[in-house]
N, C-alpha and C. Protein backbone atom coordinates (compact mmCIF):
# COMPACT_ATOMS: atom_id res chain seq x y z
N MET A 1 47.40 -21.67 28.06
CA MET A 1 46.22 -22.35 28.04
C MET A 1 45.08 -21.56 27.66
N ARG A 2 43.85 -22.01 27.77
CA ARG A 2 42.63 -21.39 27.14
C ARG A 2 41.84 -20.90 28.34
N SER A 3 42.43 -20.62 29.40
CA SER A 3 41.68 -20.09 30.52
C SER A 3 41.04 -18.63 30.33
N GLY A 4 41.69 -17.86 29.53
CA GLY A 4 41.14 -16.50 29.25
C GLY A 4 39.82 -16.54 28.54
N PRO A 5 39.65 -17.27 27.40
CA PRO A 5 38.29 -17.32 26.67
C PRO A 5 37.31 -18.04 27.62
N ILE A 6 37.68 -18.98 28.43
CA ILE A 6 36.65 -19.69 29.17
C ILE A 6 36.13 -18.75 30.39
N ALA A 7 37.07 -18.03 30.93
CA ALA A 7 36.66 -17.15 31.88
C ALA A 7 35.84 -15.95 31.42
N LEU A 8 36.16 -15.51 30.16
CA LEU A 8 35.33 -14.50 29.65
C LEU A 8 33.83 -14.98 29.33
N ARG A 9 33.68 -16.24 28.84
CA ARG A 9 32.36 -16.85 28.63
C ARG A 9 31.61 -17.06 29.92
N ALA A 10 32.31 -17.44 31.00
CA ALA A 10 31.69 -17.65 32.30
C ALA A 10 31.18 -16.30 32.85
N ALA A 11 32.03 -15.30 32.66
CA ALA A 11 31.61 -13.97 33.06
C ALA A 11 30.30 -13.46 32.34
N GLY A 12 30.24 -13.70 31.00
CA GLY A 12 29.14 -13.26 30.14
C GLY A 12 27.90 -14.04 30.57
N ALA A 13 28.03 -15.43 30.85
CA ALA A 13 26.92 -16.18 31.37
C ALA A 13 26.37 -15.69 32.64
N ALA A 14 27.24 -15.38 33.60
CA ALA A 14 26.86 -14.83 35.03
C ALA A 14 26.17 -13.42 34.83
N LEU A 15 26.63 -12.69 33.93
CA LEU A 15 26.01 -11.39 33.70
C LEU A 15 24.56 -11.46 33.13
N ALA A 16 24.44 -12.50 32.06
CA ALA A 16 23.09 -12.74 31.59
C ALA A 16 22.17 -13.35 32.69
N LEU A 17 22.53 -14.11 33.54
CA LEU A 17 21.62 -14.56 34.58
C LEU A 17 21.29 -13.55 35.52
N VAL A 18 22.22 -12.62 35.84
CA VAL A 18 21.92 -11.47 36.65
C VAL A 18 20.92 -10.48 36.09
N LEU A 19 21.02 -10.22 34.70
CA LEU A 19 20.23 -9.26 34.10
C LEU A 19 18.98 -9.80 33.63
N ALA A 20 18.67 -11.08 33.53
CA ALA A 20 17.54 -11.76 33.07
C ALA A 20 16.30 -11.41 33.92
N PRO A 21 16.37 -11.43 35.16
CA PRO A 21 15.18 -10.94 35.89
C PRO A 21 14.81 -9.49 35.78
N ALA A 22 15.85 -8.68 35.70
CA ALA A 22 15.52 -7.26 35.50
C ALA A 22 14.93 -7.04 34.13
N ALA A 23 15.31 -7.72 33.15
CA ALA A 23 14.84 -7.63 31.72
C ALA A 23 13.34 -8.10 31.76
N GLY A 24 13.01 -9.16 32.53
CA GLY A 24 11.64 -9.70 32.57
C GLY A 24 10.85 -8.71 33.12
N THR A 25 11.29 -7.93 34.25
CA THR A 25 10.42 -6.88 34.81
C THR A 25 10.21 -5.71 33.92
N ALA A 26 11.29 -5.28 33.21
CA ALA A 26 11.15 -4.20 32.28
C ALA A 26 10.15 -4.57 31.09
N LEU A 27 10.11 -5.81 30.68
CA LEU A 27 9.25 -6.27 29.64
C LEU A 27 7.75 -6.41 29.99
N ALA A 28 7.38 -6.33 31.35
CA ALA A 28 6.17 -6.60 31.81
C ALA A 28 4.95 -5.76 31.11
N HIS A 29 5.33 -4.57 30.69
CA HIS A 29 4.35 -3.69 30.02
C HIS A 29 4.70 -3.43 28.73
N ASP A 30 5.65 -4.11 28.07
CA ASP A 30 6.15 -3.85 26.70
C ASP A 30 5.14 -4.42 25.65
N GLY A 31 4.05 -5.08 26.02
CA GLY A 31 3.18 -5.54 24.97
C GLY A 31 2.27 -4.49 24.38
N VAL A 32 2.36 -3.24 24.97
CA VAL A 32 1.55 -2.07 24.44
C VAL A 32 2.38 -1.48 23.30
N GLN A 33 1.66 -1.28 22.17
CA GLN A 33 2.16 -0.67 21.01
C GLN A 33 1.36 0.40 20.41
N ALA A 34 1.87 1.53 20.14
CA ALA A 34 1.11 2.78 19.58
C ALA A 34 1.54 3.08 18.14
N THR A 35 0.61 3.27 17.30
CA THR A 35 1.00 3.70 15.97
C THR A 35 0.16 4.96 15.68
N ALA A 36 0.70 5.89 14.93
CA ALA A 36 0.04 7.07 14.45
C ALA A 36 -0.16 7.03 12.93
N THR A 37 -1.44 7.42 12.49
CA THR A 37 -1.70 7.43 11.08
C THR A 37 -2.12 8.86 10.60
N PRO A 38 -1.41 9.44 9.67
CA PRO A 38 -0.28 8.88 8.97
C PRO A 38 1.05 8.94 9.88
N SER A 39 1.95 8.07 9.57
CA SER A 39 3.12 7.93 10.39
C SER A 39 4.08 9.01 10.19
N THR A 40 3.87 9.82 9.01
CA THR A 40 4.79 11.10 8.80
C THR A 40 3.79 12.11 8.52
N ALA A 41 3.74 13.27 9.19
CA ALA A 41 2.85 14.30 8.99
C ALA A 41 3.49 15.66 9.18
N ALA A 42 2.81 16.67 8.77
CA ALA A 42 3.34 18.10 8.79
C ALA A 42 2.77 18.73 10.11
N PRO A 43 3.58 19.62 10.69
CA PRO A 43 3.05 20.35 11.82
C PRO A 43 1.65 20.92 11.58
N GLY A 44 0.75 20.81 12.58
CA GLY A 44 -0.63 21.24 12.54
C GLY A 44 -1.66 20.27 11.99
N ALA A 45 -1.07 19.13 11.56
CA ALA A 45 -1.89 18.12 10.97
C ALA A 45 -2.65 17.31 12.12
N ASP A 46 -3.71 16.68 11.71
CA ASP A 46 -4.42 15.76 12.62
C ASP A 46 -3.95 14.40 12.40
N VAL A 47 -3.82 13.53 13.43
CA VAL A 47 -3.34 12.12 13.26
C VAL A 47 -4.31 11.26 14.06
N ASP A 48 -4.45 10.04 13.64
CA ASP A 48 -5.16 9.05 14.40
C ASP A 48 -4.12 8.24 15.12
N VAL A 49 -4.50 7.89 16.33
CA VAL A 49 -3.64 6.98 17.19
C VAL A 49 -4.31 5.75 17.47
N ARG A 50 -3.63 4.60 17.27
CA ARG A 50 -4.11 3.26 17.53
C ARG A 50 -3.22 2.62 18.59
N VAL A 51 -3.76 2.09 19.63
CA VAL A 51 -2.97 1.41 20.66
C VAL A 51 -3.35 0.00 20.87
N LYS A 52 -2.51 -1.01 20.82
CA LYS A 52 -2.77 -2.38 21.07
C LYS A 52 -2.06 -2.74 22.29
N GLY A 53 -2.62 -3.80 23.05
CA GLY A 53 -2.10 -4.33 24.13
C GLY A 53 -2.62 -3.80 25.54
N CYS A 54 -3.52 -2.93 25.54
CA CYS A 54 -4.01 -2.32 26.84
C CYS A 54 -5.20 -3.29 27.20
N GLU A 55 -5.35 -3.55 28.47
CA GLU A 55 -6.35 -4.40 28.97
C GLU A 55 -7.76 -3.64 29.13
N GLY A 56 -7.61 -2.30 29.41
CA GLY A 56 -8.78 -1.52 29.70
C GLY A 56 -9.48 -1.02 28.44
N THR A 57 -10.52 -0.32 28.62
CA THR A 57 -11.25 0.25 27.50
C THR A 57 -11.03 1.65 27.28
N THR A 58 -10.18 2.28 28.18
CA THR A 58 -9.91 3.78 27.93
C THR A 58 -8.35 3.93 28.18
N GLY A 59 -7.88 5.09 27.81
CA GLY A 59 -6.56 5.39 28.01
C GLY A 59 -6.21 6.72 27.39
N ALA A 60 -4.89 7.04 27.43
CA ALA A 60 -4.47 8.43 26.84
C ALA A 60 -3.10 8.16 26.16
N ALA A 61 -2.99 8.81 24.97
CA ALA A 61 -1.67 8.70 24.35
C ALA A 61 -1.13 10.08 24.35
N ARG A 62 0.24 10.33 24.71
CA ARG A 62 0.76 11.57 24.69
C ARG A 62 2.16 11.63 24.01
N SER A 63 2.52 12.83 23.55
CA SER A 63 3.71 12.92 22.87
C SER A 63 4.11 14.47 22.78
N PRO A 64 5.40 14.79 22.95
CA PRO A 64 5.82 16.09 22.79
C PRO A 64 5.13 16.88 21.56
N ALA A 65 4.91 16.05 20.52
CA ALA A 65 4.43 16.55 19.27
C ALA A 65 2.89 17.05 19.35
N PHE A 66 2.22 16.47 20.22
CA PHE A 66 0.65 16.69 20.37
C PHE A 66 0.51 18.06 21.10
N VAL A 67 -0.64 18.60 20.63
CA VAL A 67 -1.23 19.82 21.30
C VAL A 67 -1.65 19.45 22.58
N ALA A 68 -2.45 18.32 22.74
CA ALA A 68 -3.01 17.76 23.90
C ALA A 68 -3.06 16.23 23.81
N ASP A 69 -3.20 15.63 24.96
CA ASP A 69 -3.14 14.18 24.92
C ASP A 69 -4.26 13.66 24.00
N ALA A 70 -4.18 12.52 23.42
CA ALA A 70 -5.21 11.87 22.72
C ALA A 70 -5.98 10.97 23.63
N GLU A 71 -7.24 11.11 23.73
CA GLU A 71 -8.04 10.35 24.64
C GLU A 71 -8.37 9.15 23.84
N LEU A 72 -8.09 7.95 24.44
CA LEU A 72 -8.22 6.63 23.73
C LEU A 72 -9.46 5.92 24.25
N THR A 73 -10.25 5.24 23.41
CA THR A 73 -11.34 4.46 23.84
C THR A 73 -11.36 3.17 22.96
N GLY A 74 -11.99 2.21 23.47
CA GLY A 74 -12.21 0.89 22.68
C GLY A 74 -13.13 -0.01 23.33
N ARG A 75 -13.13 -1.19 23.12
CA ARG A 75 -14.07 -2.13 23.67
C ARG A 75 -13.40 -3.44 24.10
N ASP A 76 -14.09 -4.06 25.10
CA ASP A 76 -13.59 -5.49 25.42
C ASP A 76 -12.14 -5.67 25.87
N GLY A 77 -11.62 -4.73 26.36
CA GLY A 77 -10.26 -4.91 26.93
C GLY A 77 -9.20 -5.28 25.94
N GLY A 78 -8.31 -6.14 26.26
CA GLY A 78 -7.12 -6.41 25.38
C GLY A 78 -7.38 -7.11 24.11
N ALA A 79 -8.60 -7.56 23.85
CA ALA A 79 -8.80 -8.21 22.62
C ALA A 79 -8.88 -7.17 21.38
N TYR A 80 -9.09 -5.90 21.56
CA TYR A 80 -9.30 -4.92 20.63
C TYR A 80 -8.35 -3.70 20.95
N ALA A 81 -8.12 -2.98 19.93
CA ALA A 81 -7.32 -1.80 19.99
C ALA A 81 -8.10 -0.69 20.59
N LEU A 82 -7.31 0.37 21.18
CA LEU A 82 -7.94 1.64 21.54
C LEU A 82 -7.60 2.62 20.45
N PHE A 83 -8.57 3.60 20.25
CA PHE A 83 -8.27 4.54 19.21
C PHE A 83 -8.62 5.99 19.72
N GLY A 84 -7.96 6.93 19.22
CA GLY A 84 -8.06 8.31 19.47
C GLY A 84 -7.44 9.19 18.45
N GLY A 85 -7.51 10.64 18.58
CA GLY A 85 -7.03 11.36 17.69
C GLY A 85 -6.22 12.61 18.35
N ALA A 86 -5.33 13.16 17.62
CA ALA A 86 -4.56 14.36 18.18
C ALA A 86 -4.15 15.20 17.09
N THR A 87 -3.86 16.51 17.46
CA THR A 87 -3.37 17.46 16.45
C THR A 87 -2.04 17.79 16.79
N LEU A 88 -1.20 17.88 15.94
CA LEU A 88 0.27 18.16 16.06
C LEU A 88 0.45 19.65 16.22
N ARG A 89 1.41 20.06 17.08
CA ARG A 89 1.78 21.49 17.20
C ARG A 89 2.20 22.06 15.98
N THR A 90 1.95 23.35 15.84
CA THR A 90 2.30 24.02 14.62
C THR A 90 3.77 24.42 14.59
N GLY A 91 4.57 24.62 15.64
CA GLY A 91 5.89 24.98 15.57
C GLY A 91 6.92 23.86 15.62
N LEU A 92 6.48 22.66 15.41
CA LEU A 92 7.49 21.57 15.48
C LEU A 92 8.58 21.64 14.49
N GLU A 93 9.68 21.19 14.83
CA GLU A 93 10.87 20.93 13.98
C GLU A 93 10.73 19.46 13.44
N ASP A 94 11.33 19.37 12.21
CA ASP A 94 11.37 18.02 11.60
C ASP A 94 12.07 17.02 12.53
N GLY A 95 11.52 15.82 12.54
CA GLY A 95 12.15 14.86 13.35
C GLY A 95 11.18 13.74 13.83
N THR A 96 11.70 12.87 14.71
CA THR A 96 10.89 11.68 15.12
C THR A 96 10.60 11.94 16.64
N TYR A 97 9.36 11.86 16.92
CA TYR A 97 8.75 12.11 18.31
C TYR A 97 8.18 10.81 18.85
N ARG A 98 8.41 10.53 20.14
CA ARG A 98 8.05 9.31 20.87
C ARG A 98 6.59 9.46 21.23
N LEU A 99 5.93 8.34 21.30
CA LEU A 99 4.56 8.11 21.89
C LEU A 99 4.53 7.43 23.11
N SER A 100 3.91 7.86 24.16
CA SER A 100 3.75 7.17 25.39
C SER A 100 2.25 6.94 25.60
N VAL A 101 1.90 6.01 26.38
CA VAL A 101 0.47 5.64 26.58
C VAL A 101 0.30 5.37 28.14
N THR A 102 -0.91 5.86 28.54
CA THR A 102 -1.33 5.49 29.88
C THR A 102 -2.67 4.62 29.78
N CYS A 103 -2.54 3.41 30.23
CA CYS A 103 -3.77 2.54 30.24
C CYS A 103 -3.50 1.47 31.32
N ASP A 104 -4.53 0.77 31.71
CA ASP A 104 -4.53 -0.25 32.76
C ASP A 104 -3.98 0.21 33.98
N GLY A 105 -4.04 1.50 34.30
CA GLY A 105 -3.43 2.08 35.45
C GLY A 105 -1.91 2.14 35.36
N HIS A 106 -1.31 1.99 34.20
CA HIS A 106 0.13 2.03 34.11
C HIS A 106 0.58 3.01 33.01
N ASP A 107 1.72 3.49 33.15
CA ASP A 107 2.41 4.26 32.08
C ASP A 107 3.27 3.33 31.24
N HIS A 108 3.11 3.50 29.86
CA HIS A 108 3.87 2.75 28.98
C HIS A 108 4.68 3.74 28.15
N HIS A 109 5.97 3.88 28.42
CA HIS A 109 6.81 4.90 27.83
C HIS A 109 7.45 4.41 26.44
N ASP A 110 7.47 5.33 25.53
CA ASP A 110 8.19 5.05 24.23
C ASP A 110 7.68 3.73 23.60
N VAL A 111 6.39 3.69 23.29
CA VAL A 111 5.80 2.53 22.71
C VAL A 111 5.40 2.70 21.31
N GLY A 112 5.84 3.86 20.72
CA GLY A 112 5.63 4.22 19.36
C GLY A 112 6.32 5.49 18.93
N THR A 113 6.30 5.77 17.58
CA THR A 113 6.98 7.04 17.16
C THR A 113 6.08 7.64 16.09
N LEU A 114 6.43 8.86 15.89
CA LEU A 114 5.71 9.67 14.73
C LEU A 114 6.71 10.63 14.21
N THR A 115 6.78 10.65 12.99
CA THR A 115 7.82 11.54 12.15
C THR A 115 7.06 12.79 11.79
N VAL A 116 7.66 13.92 12.04
CA VAL A 116 7.20 15.21 11.57
C VAL A 116 8.09 15.75 10.49
N ARG A 117 7.55 16.22 9.41
CA ARG A 117 8.28 16.86 8.30
C ARG A 117 7.38 18.03 7.87
N ARG A 118 8.11 19.17 7.85
CA ARG A 118 7.43 20.36 7.30
C ARG A 118 7.07 20.28 5.85
N HIS A 119 7.95 19.78 5.05
CA HIS A 119 7.81 19.68 3.62
C HIS A 119 7.80 18.23 3.19
N GLN A 120 6.67 17.70 2.88
CA GLN A 120 6.65 16.21 2.35
C GLN A 120 7.35 16.05 1.15
N GLN A 121 8.05 15.00 0.92
CA GLN A 121 8.79 14.64 -0.22
C GLN A 121 7.61 14.30 -1.32
N PRO A 122 7.88 14.87 -2.54
CA PRO A 122 6.83 14.55 -3.54
C PRO A 122 6.86 13.02 -3.85
N THR A 123 5.87 12.35 -4.06
CA THR A 123 5.85 10.97 -4.52
C THR A 123 5.97 11.05 -5.87
N HIS A 124 6.78 10.07 -6.42
CA HIS A 124 6.93 9.84 -7.85
C HIS A 124 6.07 8.88 -8.36
N ARG A 125 5.10 9.30 -9.25
CA ARG A 125 4.26 8.44 -9.74
C ARG A 125 4.46 8.24 -11.20
N PRO A 126 4.30 7.13 -11.80
CA PRO A 126 4.52 7.01 -13.23
C PRO A 126 3.56 7.94 -14.02
N ALA A 127 4.18 8.41 -15.14
CA ALA A 127 3.35 9.25 -16.01
C ALA A 127 2.30 8.39 -16.65
N PRO A 128 1.11 9.06 -16.89
CA PRO A 128 -0.02 8.24 -17.43
C PRO A 128 0.38 7.99 -18.92
N VAL A 129 -0.02 6.73 -19.32
CA VAL A 129 0.32 6.40 -20.70
C VAL A 129 -0.76 6.88 -21.62
N THR A 130 -0.39 7.70 -22.67
CA THR A 130 -1.33 8.10 -23.61
C THR A 130 -0.99 7.62 -24.96
N PRO A 131 -1.96 7.22 -25.75
CA PRO A 131 -1.60 6.74 -27.12
C PRO A 131 -1.24 7.83 -27.99
N VAL A 132 -0.23 7.43 -28.93
CA VAL A 132 0.14 8.38 -29.90
C VAL A 132 -0.36 8.08 -31.29
N ALA A 133 -1.15 6.96 -31.38
CA ALA A 133 -1.76 6.61 -32.69
C ALA A 133 -2.90 5.93 -32.32
N PRO A 134 -3.88 5.62 -33.25
CA PRO A 134 -5.06 4.79 -32.95
C PRO A 134 -4.63 3.35 -32.47
N VAL A 135 -5.37 2.83 -31.68
CA VAL A 135 -5.18 1.54 -31.05
C VAL A 135 -5.59 0.43 -32.08
N ARG A 136 -4.83 -0.50 -32.34
CA ARG A 136 -5.16 -1.57 -33.36
C ARG A 136 -6.02 -2.69 -32.60
N ALA A 137 -7.28 -2.50 -32.61
CA ALA A 137 -8.18 -3.33 -31.96
C ALA A 137 -9.41 -3.58 -32.64
N GLY A 138 -9.99 -4.74 -32.60
CA GLY A 138 -11.24 -4.96 -33.24
C GLY A 138 -11.03 -4.95 -34.85
N GLY A 139 -11.82 -4.39 -35.55
CA GLY A 139 -11.76 -4.32 -36.90
C GLY A 139 -12.27 -5.59 -37.62
N GLY A 140 -12.84 -6.54 -36.83
CA GLY A 140 -13.40 -7.82 -37.53
C GLY A 140 -12.32 -8.56 -38.20
N GLY A 141 -11.04 -8.52 -37.80
CA GLY A 141 -9.93 -9.37 -38.35
C GLY A 141 -9.22 -8.50 -39.40
N THR A 142 -9.68 -7.29 -39.70
CA THR A 142 -8.91 -6.53 -40.73
C THR A 142 -7.71 -5.75 -40.12
N ALA A 143 -7.62 -5.72 -38.83
CA ALA A 143 -6.50 -4.91 -38.24
C ALA A 143 -5.09 -5.55 -38.65
N ALA A 144 -5.08 -6.84 -38.85
CA ALA A 144 -3.86 -7.40 -39.24
C ALA A 144 -3.44 -7.00 -40.59
N PHE A 145 -4.31 -6.53 -41.56
CA PHE A 145 -4.01 -6.12 -42.87
C PHE A 145 -3.57 -4.71 -42.97
N ALA A 146 -3.62 -3.95 -41.77
CA ALA A 146 -3.23 -2.60 -41.85
C ALA A 146 -1.64 -2.49 -42.10
N ALA A 147 -1.30 -1.34 -42.66
CA ALA A 147 0.10 -1.15 -42.87
C ALA A 147 0.81 -0.93 -41.69
N PRO A 148 2.11 -1.55 -41.53
CA PRO A 148 2.86 -1.33 -40.28
C PRO A 148 3.30 0.18 -40.15
N VAL A 149 3.24 0.51 -38.94
CA VAL A 149 3.64 1.96 -38.71
C VAL A 149 5.00 2.01 -38.08
N ALA A 150 5.88 2.87 -38.56
CA ALA A 150 7.17 3.08 -37.91
C ALA A 150 7.15 3.66 -36.48
N PRO A 151 7.97 3.07 -35.60
CA PRO A 151 7.90 3.59 -34.23
C PRO A 151 8.03 5.13 -34.19
N GLY A 152 7.31 5.79 -33.34
CA GLY A 152 7.36 7.24 -33.19
C GLY A 152 6.54 7.95 -34.23
N VAL A 153 5.89 7.31 -35.25
CA VAL A 153 5.15 8.01 -36.28
C VAL A 153 3.75 7.75 -35.99
N ALA A 154 3.01 8.88 -35.93
CA ALA A 154 1.61 8.74 -35.74
C ALA A 154 0.82 8.40 -36.96
N GLN A 155 -0.17 7.44 -36.88
CA GLN A 155 -0.92 7.08 -38.04
C GLN A 155 -2.23 7.76 -37.88
N THR A 156 -2.67 8.42 -39.00
CA THR A 156 -3.97 9.01 -38.94
C THR A 156 -4.91 8.37 -39.97
N ALA A 157 -6.13 8.30 -39.70
CA ALA A 157 -7.22 7.80 -40.63
C ALA A 157 -7.71 8.89 -41.46
N SER A 158 -7.93 8.60 -42.76
CA SER A 158 -8.51 9.67 -43.61
C SER A 158 -10.05 9.57 -43.49
N GLY A 159 -10.64 10.53 -43.93
CA GLY A 159 -12.13 10.71 -43.89
C GLY A 159 -12.74 9.63 -44.98
N ASP A 160 -11.95 9.13 -45.81
CA ASP A 160 -12.44 8.25 -46.89
C ASP A 160 -12.61 6.85 -46.43
N GLY A 161 -12.15 6.37 -45.34
CA GLY A 161 -12.35 5.07 -44.71
C GLY A 161 -11.04 4.36 -45.22
N LEU A 162 -11.29 2.98 -45.41
CA LEU A 162 -10.13 2.07 -45.65
C LEU A 162 -9.64 2.12 -47.21
N GLY A 163 -10.69 2.43 -48.01
CA GLY A 163 -10.40 2.40 -49.43
C GLY A 163 -10.96 1.22 -50.12
N THR A 164 -10.84 1.15 -51.36
CA THR A 164 -11.44 0.11 -52.25
C THR A 164 -10.81 -1.24 -51.99
N PRO A 165 -9.54 -1.42 -51.93
CA PRO A 165 -8.96 -2.75 -51.70
C PRO A 165 -9.46 -3.46 -50.45
N TYR A 166 -9.60 -2.59 -49.36
CA TYR A 166 -10.05 -3.42 -48.23
C TYR A 166 -11.60 -3.57 -48.18
N THR A 167 -12.28 -2.69 -48.87
CA THR A 167 -13.68 -2.86 -49.08
C THR A 167 -13.98 -4.29 -49.81
N LEU A 168 -13.23 -4.38 -50.92
CA LEU A 168 -13.38 -5.62 -51.65
C LEU A 168 -12.94 -6.86 -50.94
N LEU A 169 -11.98 -6.73 -50.00
CA LEU A 169 -11.45 -7.86 -49.29
C LEU A 169 -12.55 -8.17 -48.21
N GLY A 170 -13.17 -7.16 -47.57
CA GLY A 170 -14.17 -7.43 -46.64
C GLY A 170 -15.50 -8.06 -47.27
N LEU A 171 -15.70 -7.60 -48.43
CA LEU A 171 -16.96 -8.10 -49.14
C LEU A 171 -16.67 -9.59 -49.57
N GLY A 172 -15.43 -9.87 -49.93
CA GLY A 172 -15.00 -11.31 -50.22
C GLY A 172 -15.11 -12.22 -49.06
N MET A 173 -14.61 -11.78 -47.96
CA MET A 173 -14.64 -12.61 -46.69
C MET A 173 -16.19 -12.73 -46.28
N ALA A 174 -16.95 -11.72 -46.32
CA ALA A 174 -18.39 -11.93 -46.04
C ALA A 174 -19.07 -12.90 -46.89
N GLY A 175 -18.68 -12.83 -48.23
CA GLY A 175 -19.31 -13.76 -49.23
C GLY A 175 -18.87 -15.23 -48.88
N ALA A 176 -17.49 -15.38 -48.64
CA ALA A 176 -17.02 -16.73 -48.24
C ALA A 176 -17.76 -17.28 -47.03
N ALA A 177 -17.96 -16.46 -45.92
CA ALA A 177 -18.74 -16.80 -44.80
C ALA A 177 -20.22 -17.18 -45.13
N ALA A 178 -20.83 -16.41 -45.97
CA ALA A 178 -22.26 -16.75 -46.46
C ALA A 178 -22.19 -18.15 -47.16
N VAL A 179 -21.22 -18.34 -48.01
CA VAL A 179 -21.16 -19.70 -48.73
C VAL A 179 -21.04 -20.80 -47.71
N ALA A 180 -20.16 -20.64 -46.72
CA ALA A 180 -19.85 -21.68 -45.65
C ALA A 180 -21.15 -22.01 -45.04
N VAL A 181 -21.88 -21.00 -44.47
CA VAL A 181 -23.08 -21.21 -43.86
C VAL A 181 -24.11 -21.91 -44.63
N ALA A 182 -24.24 -21.55 -45.90
CA ALA A 182 -25.18 -22.17 -46.78
C ALA A 182 -24.83 -23.60 -47.17
N PHE A 183 -23.54 -23.75 -47.25
CA PHE A 183 -23.05 -25.23 -47.55
C PHE A 183 -23.40 -26.13 -46.29
N ARG A 184 -23.07 -25.63 -45.11
CA ARG A 184 -23.34 -26.34 -43.91
C ARG A 184 -24.78 -26.54 -43.72
N SER A 185 -25.70 -25.62 -43.97
CA SER A 185 -27.04 -25.86 -43.79
C SER A 185 -27.54 -26.85 -44.75
N SER A 186 -27.07 -26.88 -46.12
CA SER A 186 -27.52 -27.83 -47.01
C SER A 186 -27.17 -29.20 -46.56
N ARG A 187 -25.86 -29.45 -46.00
CA ARG A 187 -25.45 -30.77 -45.52
C ARG A 187 -26.35 -31.32 -44.36
N ARG A 188 -26.79 -30.39 -43.54
CA ARG A 188 -27.66 -30.79 -42.45
C ARG A 188 -29.02 -31.28 -42.89
N ARG A 189 -29.50 -30.59 -43.91
CA ARG A 189 -30.73 -30.94 -44.46
C ARG A 189 -30.73 -32.29 -45.11
N ARG A 190 -29.62 -32.53 -45.75
CA ARG A 190 -29.47 -33.86 -46.42
C ARG A 190 -29.30 -35.05 -45.56
N ALA A 191 -28.61 -34.68 -44.30
CA ALA A 191 -28.41 -35.78 -43.37
C ALA A 191 -29.75 -36.12 -42.69
N GLU A 192 -30.76 -35.29 -42.59
CA GLU A 192 -32.08 -35.56 -41.94
C GLU A 192 -32.79 -36.36 -42.84
């Protein structure tokens, strides 16, 4: 029969009912949370401590990593966080250290952590992009007439400018624009 699994489920349910009131009591002060900024720091560094969930306007945060307790202050009780600062001990080993808080007349143990690292890992940032040739921009529409450049080959401009063919092309385009403007102006005058 299936009495074994049913008995096991019944025992689990009974255990949950017995432990539920104890868990509720343990969670009475668990609304308090502490964070350190930066969350990873070197020994001897200063850190800012922020605590949420305290009803009072003062408190203290402590950790085995701190030289002294961080005095916390804030305003208007539980609606706002409490703030303070602390200095890390210089002889700390790398690792994670727990933060505890005293506020509301209660001790709140292990409500945050702080990581200590003697040597910070270098952050990898993308290398800055630097152009290897002049940027094809502007030029009044003449950039499209420039000769294509093979990848990896730098293009340099000579001191002579673009040269005779491009000068003549530019003058021709300017002349065509002037003719178009003159033609349009003469049509408007006739219409009036």
